Protein backbone atom coordinates (compact mmCIF):
# COMPACT_ATOMS: atom_id res chain seq x y z
CA MET A 1 -4.27 -35.39 -29.35
CA LYS A 2 -2.79 -34.55 -25.94
CA ILE A 3 -0.41 -32.03 -27.51
CA LYS A 4 -3.27 -30.28 -29.36
CA LYS A 5 -5.35 -30.06 -26.18
CA LEU A 6 -2.38 -28.68 -24.31
CA ASN A 7 -1.78 -26.06 -26.98
CA LYS A 8 -5.44 -25.03 -26.99
CA SER A 9 -5.51 -24.73 -23.22
CA SER A 10 -2.27 -22.76 -23.21
CA LEU A 11 -3.64 -20.43 -25.87
CA LEU A 12 -6.83 -19.91 -23.88
CA VAL A 13 -4.85 -19.16 -20.72
CA GLY A 14 -2.59 -16.79 -22.63
CA LEU A 15 -5.52 -14.90 -24.16
CA SER A 16 -7.24 -14.65 -20.78
CA LEU A 17 -4.09 -13.28 -19.16
CA ALA A 18 -3.67 -10.79 -22.00
CA VAL A 19 -7.25 -9.55 -21.62
CA PHE A 20 -7.00 -9.18 -17.84
CA SER A 21 -3.57 -7.54 -18.15
CA PHE A 22 -4.99 -4.96 -20.54
CA ILE A 23 -7.90 -4.32 -18.15
CA MET A 24 -5.41 -3.67 -15.34
CA VAL A 25 -2.90 -1.65 -17.36
CA GLY A 26 -5.45 0.16 -19.54
CA PRO A 27 -6.32 2.91 -17.01
CA PHE A 28 -2.62 3.74 -16.54
CA ILE A 29 -2.14 3.99 -20.32
CA TRP A 30 -5.20 6.24 -20.57
CA MET A 31 -3.90 8.33 -17.66
CA PHE A 32 -0.61 8.95 -19.47
CA ILE A 33 -2.28 9.70 -22.81
CA THR A 34 -4.61 12.20 -21.14
CA SER A 35 -1.67 13.87 -19.41
CA VAL A 36 -0.17 14.92 -22.76
CA LYS A 37 -3.41 16.27 -24.27
CA THR A 38 -4.78 19.79 -24.34
CA TYR A 39 -7.77 20.74 -22.22
CA GLU A 40 -10.02 20.88 -25.30
CA GLU A 41 -9.00 17.34 -26.30
CA THR A 42 -9.81 15.95 -22.83
CA ILE A 43 -13.42 17.24 -22.88
CA ARG A 44 -14.13 16.70 -26.58
CA ILE A 45 -17.22 14.70 -27.53
CA PRO A 46 -16.97 12.25 -29.22
CA MET A 47 -13.92 11.18 -27.24
CA GLN A 48 -10.53 11.78 -28.81
CA ILE A 49 -8.26 8.84 -28.07
CA LEU A 50 -4.87 10.20 -29.12
CA PRO A 51 -3.66 13.79 -28.94
CA LYS A 52 -2.78 15.66 -32.10
CA ALA A 53 0.48 16.72 -30.50
CA ILE A 54 2.15 15.68 -27.25
CA LYS A 55 1.96 18.47 -24.65
CA TRP A 56 4.71 17.94 -22.09
CA ILE A 57 3.98 21.43 -20.78
CA ASN A 58 1.25 19.94 -18.55
CA TYR A 59 3.96 18.46 -16.34
CA LYS A 60 5.70 21.83 -16.12
CA ILE A 61 2.44 23.55 -15.15
CA VAL A 62 1.80 21.02 -12.38
CA PHE A 63 5.30 21.50 -10.95
CA GLU A 64 4.80 25.26 -10.99
CA LYS A 65 1.40 25.06 -9.29
CA PHE A 66 2.39 22.81 -6.39
CA PRO A 67 5.51 22.23 -4.27
CA PHE A 68 6.01 18.70 -5.58
CA ILE A 69 9.42 18.34 -3.95
CA ILE A 70 7.88 18.98 -0.52
CA LEU A 71 4.92 16.69 -1.29
CA TYR A 72 7.29 13.93 -2.42
CA LEU A 73 9.43 14.33 0.70
CA ASN A 74 6.37 14.25 2.98
CA THR A 75 5.04 11.16 1.24
CA PHE A 76 8.37 9.34 1.45
CA LEU A 77 8.78 10.17 5.14
CA VAL A 78 5.23 9.12 6.02
CA THR A 79 5.50 5.92 3.95
CA ILE A 80 8.86 4.87 5.39
CA ALA A 81 7.79 5.60 8.97
CA THR A 82 4.48 3.77 8.52
CA VAL A 83 6.09 0.72 6.93
CA ALA A 84 8.83 0.49 9.57
CA GLY A 85 6.48 1.06 12.51
CA GLN A 86 3.82 -1.32 11.28
CA LEU A 87 6.25 -4.13 10.44
CA ILE A 88 7.78 -3.94 13.92
CA ILE A 89 4.49 -3.83 15.83
CA VAL A 90 2.67 -6.28 13.57
CA SER A 91 5.46 -8.87 13.61
CA LEU A 92 5.71 -8.69 17.41
CA ALA A 93 1.94 -9.10 17.79
CA ALA A 94 1.88 -11.97 15.29
CA TYR A 95 4.74 -13.70 17.14
CA ALA A 96 2.84 -13.42 20.43
CA PHE A 97 -0.39 -14.82 18.96
CA SER A 98 1.42 -17.59 17.12
CA ARG A 99 4.05 -18.83 19.59
CA LEU A 100 3.18 -17.65 23.10
CA ASN A 101 0.50 -19.03 25.39
CA PHE A 102 -1.35 -16.44 27.49
CA PRO A 103 -4.90 -16.20 28.87
CA GLY A 104 -7.51 -15.16 26.32
CA ARG A 105 -5.13 -15.38 23.36
CA ASP A 106 -7.59 -16.97 20.93
CA ILE A 107 -10.51 -14.78 22.05
CA ILE A 108 -8.47 -11.60 21.62
CA PHE A 109 -7.33 -12.72 18.18
CA LEU A 110 -10.91 -13.47 17.08
CA LEU A 111 -12.05 -10.06 18.34
CA MET A 112 -9.26 -8.45 16.34
CA LEU A 113 -10.34 -10.31 13.21
CA GLY A 114 -13.86 -9.04 13.82
CA PHE A 115 -12.60 -5.48 13.39
CA MET A 116 -11.66 -6.35 9.80
CA MET A 117 -15.40 -6.53 9.01
CA VAL A 118 -16.01 -2.99 10.31
CA PRO A 119 -15.61 -0.19 7.70
CA GLY A 120 -12.62 1.97 8.50
CA GLN A 121 -14.63 5.16 7.89
CA ILE A 122 -16.42 4.58 11.20
CA PHE A 123 -13.20 5.29 13.10
CA ILE A 124 -12.36 8.55 11.30
CA ILE A 125 -14.16 10.90 13.71
CA PRO A 126 -12.81 9.27 16.92
CA ARG A 127 -9.36 9.17 15.36
CA PHE A 128 -9.55 12.84 14.41
CA ASN A 129 -10.73 13.81 17.90
CA LEU A 130 -7.78 11.89 19.33
CA MET A 131 -5.35 13.79 17.10
CA VAL A 132 -6.95 17.09 18.18
CA ASN A 133 -6.65 16.16 21.87
CA LEU A 134 -3.00 15.22 21.35
CA GLY A 135 -2.42 18.53 19.57
CA ILE A 136 -0.75 16.97 16.54
CA THR A 137 -3.17 17.92 13.75
CA ASN A 138 -1.59 19.42 10.64
CA THR A 139 1.61 17.45 11.25
CA LEU A 140 3.20 14.42 9.62
CA THR A 141 2.95 12.58 12.95
CA ALA A 142 -0.84 12.63 12.62
CA LEU A 143 -0.49 10.76 9.32
CA VAL A 144 1.79 8.07 10.74
CA LEU A 145 0.49 7.40 14.25
CA PRO A 146 -2.95 5.91 13.39
CA SER A 147 -1.45 3.68 10.69
CA ILE A 148 1.28 1.79 12.55
CA PHE A 149 -1.01 -1.12 13.41
CA SER A 150 -2.96 -3.40 11.09
CA VAL A 151 -5.17 -6.36 11.96
CA PHE A 152 -4.66 -7.77 8.48
CA GLY A 153 -0.90 -7.50 8.94
CA VAL A 154 -1.08 -9.42 12.23
CA PHE A 155 -3.17 -12.13 10.59
CA MET A 156 -0.83 -12.39 7.60
CA MET A 157 2.35 -12.57 9.69
CA LYS A 158 0.74 -15.07 12.06
CA GLN A 159 0.25 -17.33 9.06
CA PHE A 160 3.96 -17.09 8.30
CA PHE A 161 5.00 -17.83 11.87
CA SER A 162 2.68 -20.85 11.83
CA THR A 163 4.66 -22.37 8.96
CA ILE A 164 7.85 -22.47 11.06
CA PRO A 165 8.26 -25.64 13.20
CA LYS A 166 7.96 -25.00 16.92
CA GLU A 167 10.89 -27.34 17.50
CA LEU A 168 13.13 -24.37 16.67
CA ASP A 169 11.68 -22.46 19.62
CA GLU A 170 12.13 -25.41 21.95
CA ALA A 171 15.74 -25.95 20.88
CA ALA A 172 16.50 -22.26 21.34
CA LEU A 173 14.91 -22.24 24.82
CA ILE A 174 17.05 -25.21 25.82
CA ASP A 175 20.13 -23.29 24.65
CA GLY A 176 19.17 -20.39 26.91
CA CYS A 177 17.57 -17.98 24.42
CA GLY A 178 14.83 -15.66 25.61
CA TYR A 179 11.56 -15.10 23.77
CA PHE A 180 12.67 -11.86 22.16
CA ARG A 181 15.97 -13.36 20.98
CA ILE A 182 14.09 -16.30 19.47
CA PHE A 183 11.84 -13.82 17.67
CA TRP A 184 14.62 -11.53 16.46
CA ASN A 185 17.45 -13.93 15.62
CA ILE A 186 15.63 -17.11 14.59
CA LEU A 187 12.03 -16.62 13.50
CA LEU A 188 12.06 -13.15 11.97
CA PRO A 189 14.74 -13.92 9.33
CA LEU A 190 12.69 -16.96 8.25
CA THR A 191 9.67 -14.75 7.55
CA LYS A 192 11.51 -12.39 5.20
CA PRO A 193 9.18 -13.11 2.21
CA GLY A 194 6.20 -12.24 4.38
CA LEU A 195 7.82 -9.03 5.64
CA VAL A 196 8.66 -7.97 2.09
CA SER A 197 5.18 -8.66 0.70
CA LEU A 198 3.46 -7.03 3.67
CA GLY A 199 5.84 -4.07 3.45
CA ILE A 200 4.97 -3.56 -0.22
CA MET A 201 1.23 -3.67 0.54
CA ILE A 202 1.63 -1.17 3.39
CA MET A 203 3.73 1.05 1.14
CA LEU A 204 1.14 1.05 -1.66
CA SER A 205 -1.71 1.65 0.76
CA THR A 206 0.08 4.53 2.51
CA TRP A 207 1.28 6.11 -0.71
CA LYS A 208 -2.23 6.35 -2.19
CA GLU A 209 -4.09 7.23 1.03
CA LEU A 210 -6.33 10.22 0.35
CA MET A 211 -9.13 10.65 2.88
CA TRP A 212 -7.15 10.82 6.13
CA PRO A 213 -4.43 13.27 4.93
CA ILE A 214 -7.10 15.66 3.66
CA ILE A 215 -9.06 15.49 6.93
CA VAL A 216 -6.24 15.85 9.45
CA ASN A 217 -3.96 18.29 7.54
CA ARG A 218 -5.00 21.55 5.89
CA ASN A 219 -1.58 23.07 5.17
CA ILE A 220 -0.38 21.93 1.74
CA GLU A 221 3.22 21.82 3.02
CA LYS A 222 2.12 19.06 5.44
CA MET A 223 0.17 17.07 2.85
CA THR A 224 1.11 13.98 0.88
CA LEU A 225 1.01 13.58 -2.88
CA SER A 226 -2.51 12.16 -3.04
CA ALA A 227 -3.94 14.98 -0.94
CA GLY A 228 -1.99 17.58 -2.90
CA LEU A 229 -3.30 16.23 -6.21
CA ALA A 230 -6.85 16.54 -4.91
CA MET A 231 -6.26 20.31 -4.81
CA LEU A 232 -5.99 20.24 -8.62
CA ILE A 233 -9.70 19.51 -8.87
CA GLY A 234 -11.35 22.91 -9.12
CA GLU A 235 -14.77 23.94 -7.87
CA HIS A 236 -16.02 25.00 -11.31
CA THR A 237 -13.38 23.83 -13.79
CA THR A 238 -11.05 20.85 -13.62
CA TYR A 239 -8.09 20.67 -15.96
CA TYR A 240 -8.02 16.92 -16.42
CA GLU A 241 -4.75 16.91 -18.33
CA GLN A 242 -3.01 18.52 -15.34
CA VAL A 243 -4.64 16.12 -12.89
CA MET A 244 -3.47 13.17 -14.97
CA ALA A 245 0.05 14.63 -15.27
CA GLY A 246 0.21 14.92 -11.49
CA ALA A 247 -1.10 11.36 -11.14
CA VAL A 248 1.62 10.03 -13.46
CA ILE A 249 4.28 11.82 -11.43
CA SER A 250 2.92 10.46 -8.14
CA VAL A 251 2.42 6.85 -9.21
CA LEU A 252 5.78 6.38 -10.96
CA PRO A 253 7.87 5.58 -7.82
CA MET A 254 5.44 2.87 -6.70
CA VAL A 255 5.49 1.25 -10.13
CA ILE A 256 9.30 1.15 -10.06
CA ILE A 257 9.35 -0.32 -6.54
CA PHE A 258 6.80 -2.99 -7.44
CA VAL A 259 8.73 -3.98 -10.57
CA ILE A 260 11.92 -4.36 -8.52
CA PHE A 261 10.32 -6.41 -5.71
CA GLN A 262 7.59 -8.25 -7.62
CA LYS A 263 9.23 -11.68 -7.18
CA GLN A 264 9.43 -11.28 -3.41
CA PHE A 265 5.87 -9.97 -3.34
CA VAL A 266 4.47 -12.95 -5.26
CA ALA A 267 6.51 -15.41 -3.18
CA GLY A 268 5.30 -13.84 0.05
CA ILE A 269 1.64 -13.91 -0.95
CA ALA A 270 1.97 -17.53 -2.09
CA ARG A 271 3.52 -18.63 1.22
CA SER A 272 1.04 -16.74 3.40
CA GLY A 273 -1.64 -19.33 2.71
CA LEU A 274 0.44 -22.26 4.00
CA LYS A 275 -0.07 -23.76 7.43
CA GLY A 276 2.41 -25.55 9.67
């Protein structure tokens, strides 16, 4: 009886995972199928699921319309700079909130967490005015600078630092280590799963960011992939097959990166909920 119940429960879990997996993967499959259709097939009613013939020419048209090499390079540079800058600043802030005692530490941390409940769109106008005053609009710097700090990242890394025994800090202080050396040589290597998972989340968020690149940059040679793809949507006519072809091209690197680092990502997310 126990074996039958176990098999039934396993089957139910398997079916549930299959359904949810299809719900998650389904839009990407539909995106690819649409990218190899003709324009008439994308707007046909009733809906045509599969194309009569695969049209790879949509990818060629997209590459001819936009400087994809420049857009890719801009996106890679912005993503790498944002990930590196945010990991450095966030990990330092999390170390300070987790291991150092200074006046108002808990109050400041609670105020920071309060900002997570405020919609980010509220800060767009002040942020844009700041970029204008600094004279860096229509540059890649304007895409990186506002994104090198994250309250969520500080909270997540603080959770990781909290899992490490404070006896390591005390032993290092006795041996003559300073606070920064303790952070860099002892604690930071122990939070590698957290850094990897947070880095992947920052990378995905930066790669798909749309609103801010469109607002702060108007020159297509200073745009990222997401902003460049938005230019494919016409005022009167939108060629959906070309939009989907561009979307497939832009999302492919992130899919590859996630597949490579998925174990570290899952391990990091699992450990972030632990407490010391």
